[in-house]
Amino acid sequence: MTTITIPARYKPWKVAATDDSRPALTAVFIDPEAKKAVATDGFVLVHVPVEIDGTFPESGLLVPAAFLGHVKMQGLPVVIQW
């Protein structure tokens, strides 16, 4: 099992694009080599540290920003497991 944790003080999904015409920008990219979450709206780019426990694909992972925002609105910590 792999666990990705984004610390509570960081909210990279707030920077991700909301326009569906650019689907790659509507997600947060988890970079396993740098241990960062990266998001952009085409103008602003943010990268924040993440904790990764377990094995992870070398190519990284795109997580929909809307999903991360909904998890945070529920008051839950942002932890992704698979």
Protein backbone atom coordinates (compact mmCIF):
# COMPACT_ATOMS: atom_id res chain seq x y z
CA MET A 1 0.00 0.00 0.00
CA THR A 2 1.18 3.50 -0.82
CA THR A 3 0.22 6.60 1.16
CA ILE A 4 0.58 10.19 -0.04
CA THR A 5 0.05 12.94 2.54
CA ILE A 6 -0.20 16.65 1.74
CA PRO A 7 0.42 18.73 4.89
CA ALA A 8 -2.65 20.67 6.06
CA ARG A 9 -1.13 24.13 5.55
CA TYR A 10 -0.67 23.56 1.79
CA LYS A 11 -3.53 23.69 -0.70
CA PRO A 12 -2.09 23.20 -4.20
CA TRP A 13 -5.54 22.37 -5.65
CA LYS A 14 -6.56 26.03 -5.17
CA VAL A 15 -4.10 27.01 -7.91
CA ALA A 16 -5.11 24.31 -10.42
CA ALA A 17 -7.08 25.46 -13.46
CA THR A 18 -10.86 25.11 -13.41
CA ASP A 19 -11.31 25.33 -17.19
CA ASP A 20 -12.02 21.87 -18.62
CA SER A 21 -10.58 22.84 -22.01
CA ARG A 22 -7.12 22.21 -20.51
CA PRO A 23 -7.65 18.95 -18.59
CA ALA A 24 -3.98 18.45 -17.64
CA LEU A 25 -4.06 21.72 -15.70
CA THR A 26 -7.13 20.74 -13.67
CA ALA A 27 -5.13 18.18 -11.70
CA VAL A 28 -2.35 18.17 -9.12
CA PHE A 29 0.75 16.27 -10.22
CA ILE A 30 2.48 14.20 -7.54
CA ASP A 31 6.21 14.03 -8.37
CA PRO A 32 7.75 11.01 -6.61
CA GLU A 33 11.39 11.97 -7.27
CA ALA A 34 11.13 15.47 -5.80
CA LYS A 35 8.41 14.47 -3.28
CA LYS A 36 6.34 17.46 -4.34
CA ALA A 37 2.78 18.20 -5.39
CA VAL A 38 2.72 20.55 -8.38
CA ALA A 39 -0.23 22.54 -9.72
CA THR A 40 -0.74 25.40 -12.17
CA ASP A 41 -3.51 27.39 -13.80
CA GLY A 42 -1.32 28.42 -16.73
CA PHE A 43 -0.09 31.59 -14.99
CA VAL A 44 0.79 30.61 -11.42
CA LEU A 45 2.83 27.52 -10.55
CA VAL A 46 3.09 26.07 -7.04
CA HIS A 47 5.00 23.13 -5.66
CA VAL A 48 4.60 21.91 -2.11
CA PRO A 49 6.22 19.07 -0.19
CA VAL A 50 4.39 15.76 0.20
CA GLU A 51 5.12 12.66 2.24
CA ILE A 52 5.18 9.42 0.26
CA ASP A 53 5.28 6.07 2.04
CA GLY A 54 5.49 2.93 -0.07
CA THR A 55 6.15 2.27 -3.72
CA PHE A 56 5.18 4.85 -6.29
CA PRO A 57 5.14 4.90 -10.11
CA GLU A 58 8.25 6.61 -11.46
CA SER A 59 6.15 8.62 -13.90
CA GLY A 60 4.17 10.28 -11.10
CA LEU A 61 0.45 10.62 -10.58
CA LEU A 62 -2.22 13.15 -11.61
CA VAL A 63 -4.94 13.62 -8.99
CA PRO A 64 -8.00 15.71 -9.91
CA ALA A 65 -7.88 19.02 -8.03
CA ALA A 66 -11.65 18.97 -7.50
CA PHE A 67 -11.32 15.68 -5.60
CA LEU A 68 -8.65 17.10 -3.30
CA GLY A 69 -10.74 20.21 -2.67
CA HIS A 70 -13.80 18.14 -1.73
CA VAL A 71 -11.77 16.03 0.70
CA LYS A 72 -10.41 19.16 2.38
CA MET A 73 -13.89 20.76 2.58
CA GLN A 74 -15.04 17.75 4.61
CA GLY A 75 -12.38 18.64 7.20
CA LEU A 76 -10.41 15.49 6.46
CA PRO A 77 -6.64 15.33 6.07
CA VAL A 78 -5.53 14.90 2.47
CA VAL A 79 -4.23 11.33 2.46
CA ILE A 80 -4.35 9.22 -0.70
CA GLN A 81 -3.92 5.47 -0.40
CA TRP A 82 -3.91 2.66 -2.94
